[in-house]
Amino acid sequence: MHKLFLLLMNLVYADKYNLIVELKSSYSVIQVYENGPIRDLRINTRGTNTVESRMNMNNPLIPAVGYPNMMLVSLLWNPEPTDILVIGLGAAVLPRILRYYYPMTRIDIVEIDPNILRIAKEHFRFKTDPLMTVYINDARIFINSIKKTYDIILSDVYAEVDVGIPYHLRTLEYTHELKQRLKVETGVLLTHLQRNHNDYDSSRKIHEHVFKYNYEFVAKNCSFVILLSGFQSLTQSEMFERAAQLEQTKCFLFNLTYQVLKLEKQDLFDINAPILKDKITTPPQRLTLLPMIFVATVGFLTGCYYSQSITTKLFLHFNAASLSIIAHYRSTNGYCTQNQIVV
């Protein structure tokens, strides 16, 4: 019934999306489109016009696209989670659903772009609460700055530069770091992957290397894959049983049992794919340091040339150049040393 409703909505409002807001940040061009009650959060920095999140404003607890429901299969492993980490805010579809069904669960959210948070609040009715905290930071830095462990980690991050997960968030080392932030024996990691991405096979191989148990959930005629990784094994029969119990207890507005049907029976990835490692990581943001280093160096040499007291001026210009580079690095590329907390 829900799928029929979405189909009818798409037919009624097809090709009638209107741009209602555009916001440029240091990371991307963020756009919000509206089509009747359907509202899109899109990233359009490079002309890809990629739909990051979609919400039915008349019924925000029912996702307008399929993958958020698929990520909730994590509840089959942890039906009563106390701590959840969401990596990537988007339009806050997942945090909103989780809060509705789990009002006493502590939910941490990591989002690198403060303007995404602003858009979520102003145009998608997102609200935090005393048990829900948003951290403005790069996910890698956040993960390595905490000791807390989680029942569930939901990773839904995206880089428009290569239409996939940012490189430094899909390496072997990062996956090990995520594993360390899961509660031992019970925690699960859910990762949103794109099967048509060049590094999909490598990502799958890395998870197989790091985690003992991995389960793929795939929707028909879709390129995305929800990969569940963890410490415990469940058969599909056990998943169906737990899904039925949860649906009876929680009275979900979505069909959790139907999500179990999307379990892929075979591992469809290239086992010979290379394993991505940090030693070849060059995050695009770090390239912004090069012009700053050049400008600082020119300023340093020019100042020295016109200085009367060479020794004193050398020190002052070198210090100023160094500080300008450090300030630019911390303020523009997201690799800050502390978490910025937004309540």
Foldseek 3Di string as FASTA:
>chain_A
DVVVVLVVLCVVQPPPWDWDDWDDDLAFIWTWIDGPQKIFIFTQRPHPRHGQAIARNVDLLDGSDDVLLLLVLLCLLPVQWQEEEEEACQLNSNVVNCCVLHVRHQYEYEAQTVVSVVCSVPPVVDDADPRYWYWHFDPQLVLVVDQAATQEYEYRDAHPVQGWHFQVCQALVNVLSNQNRHDPQRHKYKYKGFQPGPCPQQSVLSLVVRAVDKWWFDDPPGRIIIIMGDRDDDDLVSSLVSQVVSCVVRVRPDRSNVSSVRIDPDDPHDNPDDGHHDVPDDGPLVVVLVVLLVVLVVQLVVQCVPDPPNVVSNVVSVVVSVVVSVVCSQPNRRNHNDIDMDD
